[in-house]
Amino acid sequence: MNQRQLMQMAQQMQRQMQKVQEELAATIVEGTAGGGMITVKMNGHREVQSITISPEVVDPNDVDMLQDLLLVAINDASRKAQQLAEERMQPLTGGLKGLF
């Protein structure tokens, strides 16, 4: 493989990477906790887009439970966003193994 071919391959990979990044920004995953009492929507870049809390789970005498449920829902969404990113990037990064 000559230098010109390598440069073309790198430019193509960069364009594909940009496309994947745009898709990740536009794709929403959903994390839940408490049987759907709390829902967190996050994009593929792990940026929280919205949080929905069911009124039944809001108990001023049990704020700790609400906080715990929020953490579970956020972590659930984060795991799903990470998995989405890995799945979308794998075709690109898998091709790098042959270069090294």
PDB file of N, CA and C in Angstrom:
ATOM      1  N   MET A   1       0.858  -1.175   0.000  1.00  0.00           N
ATOM      2  CA  MET A   1       0.000   0.000   0.000  1.00  0.00           C
ATOM      3  C   MET A   1       0.901   1.234   0.000  1.00  0.00           C
ATOM      4  N   ASN A   2       0.686   2.126  -0.962  1.00  0.00           N
ATOM      5  CA  ASN A   2       1.526   3.323  -1.022  1.00  0.00           C
ATOM      6  C   ASN A   2       0.923   4.440  -0.152  1.00  0.00           C
ATOM      7  N   GLN A   3       1.674   5.510  -0.035  1.00  0.00           N
ATOM      8  CA  GLN A   3       1.279   6.615   0.847  1.00  0.00           C
ATOM      9  C   GLN A   3      -0.029   7.259   0.381  1.00  0.00           C
ATOM     10  N   ARG A   4      -0.210   7.379  -0.914  1.00  0.00           N
ATOM     11  CA  ARG A   4      -1.438   7.990  -1.456  1.00  0.00           C
ATOM     12  C   ARG A   4      -2.664   7.154  -1.081  1.00  0.00           C
ATOM     13  N   GLN A   5      -2.560   5.850  -1.234  1.00  0.00           N
ATOM     14  CA  GLN A   5      -3.671   4.971  -0.876  1.00  0.00           C
ATOM     15  C   GLN A   5      -3.969   5.047   0.621  1.00  0.00           C
ATOM     16  N   LEU A   6      -2.918   5.134   1.407  1.00  0.00           N
ATOM     17  CA  LEU A   6      -3.077   5.236   2.858  1.00  0.00           C
ATOM     18  C   LEU A   6      -3.788   6.535   3.235  1.00  0.00           C
ATOM     19  N   MET A   7      -3.425   7.630   2.565  1.00  0.00           N
ATOM     20  CA  MET A   7      -4.083   8.923   2.825  1.00  0.00           C
ATOM     21  C   MET A   7      -5.555   8.876   2.433  1.00  0.00           C
ATOM     22  N   GLN A   8      -5.865   8.281   1.286  1.00  0.00           N
ATOM     23  CA  GLN A   8      -7.256   8.167   0.849  1.00  0.00           C
ATOM     24  C   GLN A   8      -8.059   7.327   1.838  1.00  0.00           C
ATOM     25  N   MET A   9      -7.443   6.259   2.311  1.00  0.00           N
ATOM     26  CA  MET A   9      -8.109   5.391   3.279  1.00  0.00           C
ATOM     27  C   MET A   9      -8.373   6.153   4.585  1.00  0.00           C
ATOM     28  N   ALA A  10      -7.409   6.940   5.013  1.00  0.00           N
ATOM     29  CA  ALA A  10      -7.556   7.726   6.237  1.00  0.00           C
ATOM     30  C   ALA A  10      -8.660   8.776   6.082  1.00  0.00           C
ATOM     31  N   GLN A  11      -8.730   9.424   4.923  1.00  0.00           N
ATOM     32  CA  GLN A  11      -9.774  10.428   4.687  1.00  0.00           C
ATOM     33  C   GLN A  11     -11.158   9.781   4.655  1.00  0.00           C
ATOM     34  N   GLN A  12     -11.244   8.622   4.044  1.00  0.00           N
ATOM     35  CA  GLN A  12     -12.523   7.914   4.002  1.00  0.00           C
ATOM     36  C   GLN A  12     -12.945   7.511   5.413  1.00  0.00           C
ATOM     37  N   MET A  13     -12.009   7.024   6.201  1.00  0.00           N
ATOM     38  CA  MET A  13     -12.311   6.635   7.566  1.00  0.00           C
ATOM     39  C   MET A  13     -12.755   7.850   8.381  1.00  0.00           C
ATOM     40  N   GLN A  14     -12.124   8.996   8.152  1.00  0.00           N
ATOM     41  CA  GLN A  14     -12.490  10.214   8.867  1.00  0.00           C
ATOM     42  C   GLN A  14     -13.921  10.620   8.518  1.00  0.00           C
ATOM     43  N   ARG A  15     -14.299  10.521   7.244  1.00  0.00           N
ATOM     44  CA  ARG A  15     -15.673  10.838   6.835  1.00  0.00           C
ATOM     45  C   ARG A  15     -16.672   9.875   7.478  1.00  0.00           C
ATOM     46  N   GLN A  16     -16.320   8.611   7.507  1.00  0.00           N
ATOM     47  CA  GLN A  16     -17.199   7.619   8.129  1.00  0.00           C
ATOM     48  C   GLN A  16     -17.327   7.868   9.629  1.00  0.00           C
ATOM     49  N   MET A  17     -16.230   8.231  10.262  1.00  0.00           N
ATOM     50  CA  MET A  17     -16.233   8.517  11.700  1.00  0.00           C
ATOM     51  C   MET A  17     -17.126   9.721  11.989  1.00  0.00           C
ATOM     52  N   GLN A  18     -17.056  10.743  11.170  1.00  0.00           N
ATOM     53  CA  GLN A  18     -17.897  11.929  11.339  1.00  0.00           C
ATOM     54  C   GLN A  18     -19.367  11.555  11.217  1.00  0.00           C
ATOM     55  N   LYS A  19     -19.686  10.709  10.243  1.00  0.00           N
ATOM     56  CA  LYS A  19     -21.060  10.269  10.051  1.00  0.00           C
ATOM     57  C   LYS A  19     -21.555   9.505  11.273  1.00  0.00           C
ATOM     58  N   VAL A  20     -20.735   8.620  11.802  1.00  0.00           N
ATOM     59  CA  VAL A  20     -21.115   7.857  12.990  1.00  0.00           C
ATOM     60  C   VAL A  20     -21.326   8.803  14.175  1.00  0.00           C
ATOM     61  N   GLN A  21     -20.447   9.793  14.330  1.00  0.00           N
ATOM     62  CA  GLN A  21     -20.593  10.754  15.432  1.00  0.00           C
ATOM     63  C   GLN A  21     -21.916  11.521  15.319  1.00  0.00           C
ATOM     64  N   GLU A  22     -22.282  11.899  14.106  1.00  0.00           N
ATOM     65  CA  GLU A  22     -23.553  12.600  13.894  1.00  0.00           C
ATOM     66  C   GLU A  22     -24.733  11.690  14.218  1.00  0.00           C
ATOM     67  N   GLU A  23     -24.640  10.425  13.819  1.00  0.00           N
ATOM     68  CA  GLU A  23     -25.701   9.466  14.124  1.00  0.00           C
ATOM     69  C   GLU A  23     -25.835   9.249  15.630  1.00  0.00           C
ATOM     70  N   LEU A  24     -24.711   9.167  16.329  1.00  0.00           N
ATOM     71  CA  LEU A  24     -24.754   8.988  17.779  1.00  0.00           C
ATOM     72  C   LEU A  24     -25.411  10.184  18.462  1.00  0.00           C
ATOM     73  N   ALA A  25     -25.130  11.376  17.973  1.00  0.00           N
ATOM     74  CA  ALA A  25     -25.740  12.569  18.565  1.00  0.00           C
ATOM     75  C   ALA A  25     -27.249  12.575  18.369  1.00  0.00           C
ATOM     76  N   ALA A  26     -27.719  11.976  17.275  1.00  0.00           N
ATOM     77  CA  ALA A  26     -29.147  11.994  16.955  1.00  0.00           C
ATOM     78  C   ALA A  26     -29.905  10.787  17.506  1.00  0.00           C
ATOM     79  N   THR A  27     -29.191   9.763  17.960  1.00  0.00           N
ATOM     80  CA  THR A  27     -29.841   8.542  18.443  1.00  0.00           C
ATOM     81  C   THR A  27     -30.060   8.633  19.948  1.00  0.00           C
ATOM     82  N   ILE A  28     -31.267   8.318  20.376  1.00  0.00           N
ATOM     83  CA  ILE A  28     -31.631   8.398  21.791  1.00  0.00           C
ATOM     84  C   ILE A  28     -31.821   6.998  22.353  1.00  0.00           C
ATOM     85  N   VAL A  29     -31.205   6.762  23.512  1.00  0.00           N
ATOM     86  CA  VAL A  29     -31.433   5.532  24.262  1.00  0.00           C
ATOM     87  C   VAL A  29     -32.201   5.904  25.525  1.00  0.00           C
ATOM     88  N   GLU A  30     -32.811   4.897  26.128  1.00  0.00           N
ATOM     89  CA  GLU A  30     -33.648   5.153  27.291  1.00  0.00           C
ATOM     90  C   GLU A  30     -33.242   4.222  28.430  1.00  0.00           C
ATOM     91  N   GLY A  31     -32.997   4.808  29.592  1.00  0.00           N
ATOM     92  CA  GLY A  31     -32.717   4.040  30.795  1.00  0.00           C
ATOM     93  C   GLY A  31     -33.881   4.196  31.747  1.00  0.00           C
ATOM     94  N   THR A  32     -34.199   3.122  32.460  1.00  0.00           N
ATOM     95  CA  THR A  32     -35.329   3.185  33.381  1.00  0.00           C
ATOM     96  C   THR A  32     -34.951   2.618  34.738  1.00  0.00           C
ATOM     97  N   ALA A  33     -35.774   2.949  35.716  1.00  0.00           N
ATOM     98  CA  ALA A  33     -35.625   2.402  37.066  1.00  0.00           C
ATOM     99  C   ALA A  33     -37.001   2.378  37.714  1.00  0.00           C
ATOM    100  N   GLY A  34     -37.120   1.525  38.726  1.00  0.00           N
ATOM    101  CA  GLY A  34     -38.381   1.449  39.467  1.00  0.00           C
ATOM    102  C   GLY A  34     -39.540   0.991  38.600  1.00  0.00           C
ATOM    103  N   GLY A  35     -39.275   0.059  37.695  1.00  0.00           N
ATOM    104  CA  GLY A  35     -40.342  -0.429  36.835  1.00  0.00           C
ATOM    105  C   GLY A  35     -40.913   0.643  35.925  1.00  0.00           C
ATOM    106  N   GLY A  36     -40.060   1.569  35.506  1.00  0.00           N
ATOM    107  CA  GLY A  36     -40.501   2.634  34.600  1.00  0.00           C
ATOM    108  C   GLY A  36     -40.956   3.898  35.322  1.00  0.00           C
ATOM    109  N   MET A  37     -40.790   3.936  36.622  1.00  0.00           N
ATOM    110  CA  MET A  37     -41.180   5.124  37.383  1.00  0.00           C
ATOM    111  C   MET A  37     -40.273   6.310  37.057  1.00  0.00           C
ATOM    112  N   ILE A  38     -39.040   6.010  36.682  1.00  0.00           N
ATOM    113  CA  ILE A  38     -38.101   7.057  36.261  1.00  0.00           C
ATOM    114  C   ILE A  38     -37.523   6.640  34.914  1.00  0.00           C
ATOM    115  N   THR A  39     -37.516   7.576  33.980  1.00  0.00           N
ATOM    116  CA  THR A  39     -36.964   7.338  32.656  1.00  0.00           C
ATOM    117  C   THR A  39     -35.967   8.434  32.331  1.00  0.00           C
ATOM    118  N   VAL A  40     -34.802   8.022  31.874  1.00  0.00           N
ATOM    119  CA  VAL A  40     -33.765   8.956  31.456  1.00  0.00           C
ATOM    120  C   VAL A  40     -33.493   8.710  29.976  1.00  0.00           C
ATOM    121  N   LYS A  41     -33.574   9.769  29.181  1.00  0.00           N
ATOM    122  CA  LYS A  41     -33.245   9.678  27.761  1.00  0.00           C
ATOM    123  C   LYS A  41     -31.903  10.356  27.551  1.00  0.00           C
ATOM    124  N   MET A  42     -31.040   9.657  26.798  1.00  0.00           N
ATOM    125  CA  MET A  42     -29.668  10.113  26.602  1.00  0.00           C
ATOM    126  C   MET A  42     -29.300   9.852  25.144  1.00  0.00           C
ATOM    127  N   ASN A  43     -28.483  10.731  24.565  1.00  0.00           N
ATOM    128  CA  ASN A  43     -28.040  10.464  23.197  1.00  0.00           C
ATOM    129  C   ASN A  43     -26.819   9.561  23.214  1.00  0.00           C
ATOM    130  N   GLY A  44     -26.361   9.191  22.039  1.00  0.00           N
ATOM    131  CA  GLY A  44     -25.233   8.282  21.918  1.00  0.00           C
ATOM    132  C   GLY A  44     -23.910   8.851  22.392  1.00  0.00           C
ATOM    133  N   HIS A  45     -23.876  10.141  22.690  1.00  0.00           N
ATOM    134  CA  HIS A  45     -22.681  10.768  23.268  1.00  0.00           C
ATOM    135  C   HIS A  45     -22.785  10.839  24.787  1.00  0.00           C
ATOM    136  N   ARG A  46     -23.788  10.171  25.328  1.00  0.00           N
ATOM    137  CA  ARG A  46     -24.065  10.118  26.772  1.00  0.00           C
ATOM    138  C   ARG A  46     -24.403  11.483  27.353  1.00  0.00           C
ATOM    139  N   GLU A  47     -25.113  12.278  26.571  1.00  0.00           N
ATOM    140  CA  GLU A  47     -25.624  13.556  27.060  1.00  0.00           C
ATOM    141  C   GLU A  47     -27.099  13.358  27.409  1.00  0.00           C
ATOM    142  N   VAL A  48     -27.472  13.649  28.657  1.00  0.00           N
ATOM    143  CA  VAL A  48     -28.852  13.479  29.099  1.00  0.00           C
ATOM    144  C   VAL A  48     -29.735  14.470  28.355  1.00  0.00           C
ATOM    145  N   GLN A  49     -30.791  13.948  27.747  1.00  0.00           N
ATOM    146  CA  GLN A  49     -31.728  14.772  26.989  1.00  0.00           C
ATOM    147  C   GLN A  49     -32.979  15.088  27.800  1.00  0.00           C
ATOM    148  N   SER A  50     -33.430  14.131  28.615  1.00  0.00           N
ATOM    149  CA  SER A  50     -34.594  14.380  29.456  1.00  0.00           C
ATOM    150  C   SER A  50     -34.658  13.360  30.582  1.00  0.00           C
ATOM    151  N   ILE A  51     -35.350  13.749  31.645  1.00  0.00           N
ATOM    152  CA  ILE A  51     -35.623  12.867  32.777  1.00  0.00           C
ATOM    153  C   ILE A  51     -37.104  12.992  33.089  1.00  0.00           C
ATOM    154  N   THR A  52     -37.767  11.844  33.165  1.00  0.00           N
ATOM    155  CA  THR A  52     -39.188  11.817  33.512  1.00  0.00           C
ATOM    156  C   THR A  52     -39.342  11.065  34.825  1.00  0.00           C
ATOM    157  N   ILE A  53     -40.023  11.700  35.776  1.00  0.00           N
ATOM    158  CA  ILE A  53     -40.234  11.101  37.095  1.00  0.00           C
ATOM    159  C   ILE A  53     -41.736  10.994  37.328  1.00  0.00           C
ATOM    160  N   SER A  54     -42.190   9.786  37.581  1.00  0.00           N
ATOM    161  CA  SER A  54     -43.602   9.565  37.877  1.00  0.00           C
ATOM    162  C   SER A  54     -43.932  10.161  39.245  1.00  0.00           C
ATOM    163  N   PRO A  55     -45.044  10.884  39.379  1.00  0.00           N
ATOM    164  CA  PRO A  55     -45.386  11.518  40.656  1.00  0.00           C
ATOM    165  C   PRO A  55     -45.461  10.542  41.826  1.00  0.00           C
ATOM    166  N   GLU A  56     -45.813   9.288  41.562  1.00  0.00           N
ATOM    167  CA  GLU A  56     -45.934   8.308  42.655  1.00  0.00           C
ATOM    168  C   GLU A  56     -44.614   8.024  43.355  1.00  0.00           C
ATOM    169  N   VAL A  57     -43.508   8.246  42.671  1.00  0.00           N
ATOM    170  CA  VAL A  57     -42.210   7.936  43.261  1.00  0.00           C
ATOM    171  C   VAL A  57     -41.652   9.113  44.072  1.00  0.00           C
ATOM    172  N   VAL A  58     -42.304  10.254  43.996  1.00  0.00           N
ATOM    173  CA  VAL A  58     -41.844  11.434  44.729  1.00  0.00           C
ATOM    174  C   VAL A  58     -42.455  11.418  46.133  1.00  0.00           C
ATOM    175  N   ASP A  59     -41.614  11.084  47.112  1.00  0.00           N
ATOM    176  CA  ASP A  59     -42.034  11.028  48.515  1.00  0.00           C
ATOM    177  C   ASP A  59     -41.059  11.889  49.313  1.00  0.00           C
ATOM    178  N   PRO A  60     -41.512  13.034  49.802  1.00  0.00           N
ATOM    179  CA  PRO A  60     -40.601  13.920  50.533  1.00  0.00           C
ATOM    180  C   PRO A  60     -39.969  13.238  51.753  1.00  0.00           C
ATOM    181  N   ASN A  61     -40.575  12.170  52.233  1.00  0.00           N
ATOM    182  CA  ASN A  61     -40.019  11.455  53.386  1.00  0.00           C
ATOM    183  C   ASN A  61     -39.021  10.373  52.975  1.00  0.00           C
ATOM    184  N   ASP A  62     -38.844  10.175  51.683  1.00  0.00           N
ATOM    185  CA  ASP A  62     -37.910   9.154  51.212  1.00  0.00           C
ATOM    186  C   ASP A  62     -37.141   9.658  49.985  1.00  0.00           C
ATOM    187  N   VAL A  63     -36.424  10.748  50.160  1.00  0.00           N
ATOM    188  CA  VAL A  63     -35.635  11.341  49.088  1.00  0.00           C
ATOM    189  C   VAL A  63     -34.511  10.394  48.657  1.00  0.00           C
ATOM    190  N   ASP A  64     -33.999   9.612  49.602  1.00  0.00           N
ATOM    191  CA  ASP A  64     -32.916   8.677  49.281  1.00  0.00           C
ATOM    192  C   ASP A  64     -33.338   7.685  48.192  1.00  0.00           C
ATOM    193  N   MET A  65     -34.558   7.191  48.256  1.00  0.00           N
ATOM    194  CA  MET A  65     -35.034   6.243  47.249  1.00  0.00           C
ATOM    195  C   MET A  65     -35.079   6.915  45.874  1.00  0.00           C
ATOM    196  N   LEU A  66     -35.583   8.141  45.834  1.00  0.00           N
ATOM    197  CA  LEU A  66     -35.647   8.871  44.566  1.00  0.00           C
ATOM    198  C   LEU A  66     -34.245   9.068  43.984  1.00  0.00           C
ATOM    199  N   GLN A  67     -33.305   9.442  44.823  1.00  0.00           N
ATOM    200  CA  GLN A  67     -31.929   9.623  44.366  1.00  0.00           C
ATOM    201  C   GLN A  67     -31.342   8.315  43.842  1.00  0.00           C
ATOM    202  N   ASP A  68     -31.591   7.221  44.564  1.00  0.00           N
ATOM    203  CA  ASP A  68     -31.097   5.916  44.123  1.00  0.00           C
ATOM    204  C   ASP A  68     -31.690   5.522  42.777  1.00  0.00           C
ATOM    205  N   LEU A  69     -32.997   5.735  42.614  1.00  0.00           N
ATOM    206  CA  LEU A  69     -33.653   5.396  41.352  1.00  0.00           C
ATOM    207  C   LEU A  69     -33.109   6.238  40.199  1.00  0.00           C
ATOM    208  N   LEU A  70     -32.850   7.512  40.464  1.00  0.00           N
ATOM    209  CA  LEU A  70     -32.259   8.371  39.437  1.00  0.00           C
ATOM    210  C   LEU A  70     -30.889   7.853  39.006  1.00  0.00           C
ATOM    211  N   LEU A  71     -30.079   7.466  39.966  1.00  0.00           N
ATOM    212  CA  LEU A  71     -28.756   6.925  39.639  1.00  0.00           C
ATOM    213  C   LEU A  71     -28.869   5.661  38.801  1.00  0.00           C
ATOM    214  N   VAL A  72     -29.785   4.783  39.175  1.00  0.00           N
ATOM    215  CA  VAL A  72     -29.970   3.537  38.420  1.00  0.00           C
ATOM    216  C   VAL A  72     -30.391   3.842  36.982  1.00  0.00           C
ATOM    217  N   ALA A  73     -31.344   4.757  36.808  1.00  0.00           N
ATOM    218  CA  ALA A  73     -31.836   5.091  35.473  1.00  0.00           C
ATOM    219  C   ALA A  73     -30.749   5.754  34.625  1.00  0.00           C
ATOM    220  N   ILE A  74     -29.987   6.651  35.224  1.00  0.00           N
ATOM    221  CA  ILE A  74     -28.906   7.325  34.491  1.00  0.00           C
ATOM    222  C   ILE A  74     -27.828   6.318  34.098  1.00  0.00           C
ATOM    223  N   ASN A  75     -27.450   5.455  35.022  1.00  0.00           N
ATOM    224  CA  ASN A  75     -26.431   4.452  34.703  1.00  0.00           C
ATOM    225  C   ASN A  75     -26.927   3.464  33.652  1.00  0.00           C
ATOM    226  N   ASP A  76     -28.208   3.122  33.691  1.00  0.00           N
ATOM    227  CA  ASP A  76     -28.797   2.232  32.687  1.00  0.00           C
ATOM    228  C   ASP A  76     -28.713   2.884  31.307  1.00  0.00           C
ATOM    229  N   ALA A  77     -29.101   4.141  31.216  1.00  0.00           N
ATOM    230  CA  ALA A  77     -29.029   4.859  29.940  1.00  0.00           C
ATOM    231  C   ALA A  77     -27.583   4.995  29.478  1.00  0.00           C
ATOM    232  N   SER A  78     -26.674   5.258  30.395  1.00  0.00           N
ATOM    233  CA  SER A  78     -25.269   5.418  30.053  1.00  0.00           C
ATOM    234  C   SER A  78     -24.683   4.124  29.486  1.00  0.00           C
ATOM    235  N   ARG A  79     -25.020   3.000  30.099  1.00  0.00           N
ATOM    236  CA  ARG A  79     -24.552   1.705  29.587  1.00  0.00           C
ATOM    237  C   ARG A  79     -25.083   1.460  28.175  1.00  0.00           C
ATOM    238  N   LYS A  80     -26.353   1.783  27.968  1.00  0.00           N
ATOM    239  CA  LYS A  80     -26.950   1.586  26.644  1.00  0.00           C
ATOM    240  C   LYS A  80     -26.308   2.504  25.607  1.00  0.00           C
ATOM    241  N   ALA A  81     -26.012   3.744  25.993  1.00  0.00           N
ATOM    242  CA  ALA A  81     -25.361   4.685  25.072  1.00  0.00           C
ATOM    243  C   ALA A  81     -23.948   4.211  24.743  1.00  0.00           C
ATOM    244  N   GLN A  82     -23.232   3.698  25.731  1.00  0.00           N
ATOM    245  CA  GLN A  82     -21.875   3.183  25.506  1.00  0.00           C
ATOM    246  C   GLN A  82     -21.914   1.987  24.561  1.00  0.00           C
ATOM    247  N   GLN A  83     -22.863   1.097  24.789  1.00  0.00           N
ATOM    248  CA  GLN A  83     -23.006  -0.077  23.932  1.00  0.00           C
ATOM    249  C   GLN A  83     -23.338   0.347  22.493  1.00  0.00           C
ATOM    250  N   LEU A  84     -24.226   1.318  22.354  1.00  0.00           N
ATOM    251  CA  LEU A  84     -24.581   1.837  21.036  1.00  0.00           C
ATOM    252  C   LEU A  84     -23.348   2.391  20.331  1.00  0.00           C
ATOM    253  N   ALA A  85     -22.556   3.182  21.046  1.00  0.00           N
ATOM    254  CA  ALA A  85     -21.348   3.771  20.458  1.00  0.00           C
ATOM    255  C   ALA A  85     -20.364   2.686  20.030  1.00  0.00           C
ATOM    256  N   GLU A  86     -20.184   1.677  20.870  1.00  0.00           N
ATOM    257  CA  GLU A  86     -19.268   0.590  20.523  1.00  0.00           C
ATOM    258  C   GLU A  86     -19.747  -0.159  19.283  1.00  0.00           C
ATOM    259  N   GLU A  87     -21.056  -0.400  19.213  1.00  0.00           N
ATOM    260  CA  GLU A  87     -21.611  -1.107  18.052  1.00  0.00           C
ATOM    261  C   GLU A  87     -21.430  -0.299  16.771  1.00  0.00           C
ATOM    262  N   ARG A  88     -21.657   1.010  16.858  1.00  0.00           N
ATOM    263  CA  ARG A  88     -21.542   1.865  15.664  1.00  0.00           C
ATOM    264  C   ARG A  88     -20.089   2.077  15.248  1.00  0.00           C
ATOM    265  N   MET A  89     -19.176   2.082  16.205  1.00  0.00           N
ATOM    266  CA  MET A  89     -17.776   2.345  15.901  1.00  0.00           C
ATOM    267  C   MET A  89     -17.025   1.073  15.500  1.00  0.00           C
ATOM    268  N   GLN A  90     -17.513  -0.073  15.886  1.00  0.00           N
ATOM    269  CA  GLN A  90     -16.808  -1.334  15.646  1.00  0.00           C
ATOM    270  C   GLN A  90     -16.452  -1.555  14.178  1.00  0.00           C
ATOM    271  N   PRO A  91     -17.377  -1.294  13.235  1.00  0.00           N
ATOM    272  CA  PRO A  91     -16.974  -1.499  11.839  1.00  0.00           C
ATOM    273  C   PRO A  91     -15.780  -0.625  11.432  1.00  0.00           C
ATOM    274  N   LEU A  92     -15.658   0.546  12.032  1.00  0.00           N
ATOM    275  CA  LEU A  92     -14.536   1.431  11.706  1.00  0.00           C
ATOM    276  C   LEU A  92     -13.264   1.022  12.435  1.00  0.00           C
ATOM    277  N   THR A  93     -13.368   0.805  13.715  1.00  0.00           N
ATOM    278  CA  THR A  93     -12.184   0.482  14.500  1.00  0.00           C
ATOM    279  C   THR A  93     -11.713  -0.939  14.254  1.00  0.00           C
ATOM    280  N   GLY A  94     -12.625  -1.819  13.868  1.00  0.00           N
ATOM    281  CA  GLY A  94     -12.231  -3.191  13.548  1.00  0.00           C
ATOM    282  C   GLY A  94     -11.301  -3.241  12.360  1.00  0.00           C
ATOM    283  N   GLY A  95     -11.464  -2.315  11.433  1.00  0.00           N
ATOM    284  CA  GLY A  95     -10.607  -2.263  10.264  1.00  0.00           C
ATOM    285  C   GLY A  95      -9.200  -1.782  10.559  1.00  0.00           C
ATOM    286  N   LEU A  96      -9.000  -1.169  11.698  1.00  0.00           N
ATOM    287  CA  LEU A  96      -7.663  -0.660  12.052  1.00  0.00           C
ATOM    288  C   LEU A  96      -6.705  -1.771  12.426  1.00  0.00           C
ATOM    289  N   LYS A  97      -7.217  -2.896  12.860  1.00  0.00           N
ATOM    290  CA  LYS A  97      -6.351  -3.978  13.314  1.00  0.00           C
ATOM    291  C   LYS A  97      -5.383  -4.432  12.235  1.00  0.00           C
ATOM    292  N   GLY A  98      -5.811  -4.397  10.991  1.00  0.00           N
ATOM    293  CA  GLY A  98      -4.950  -4.840   9.898  1.00  0.00           C
ATOM    294  C   GLY A  98      -3.808  -3.883   9.587  1.00  0.00           C
ATOM    295  N   LEU A  99      -3.886  -2.658  10.090  1.00  0.00           N
ATOM    296  CA  LEU A  99      -2.852  -1.667   9.787  1.00  0.00           C
ATOM    297  C   LEU A  99      -1.679  -1.740  10.757  1.00  0.00           C
ATOM    298  N   PHE A 100      -1.881  -2.368  11.891  1.00  0.00           N
ATOM    299  CA  PHE A 100      -0.833  -2.364  12.930  1.00  0.00           C
ATOM    300  C   PHE A 100      -0.238  -3.734  13.139  1.00  0.00           C
TER     301      PHE A 100
END
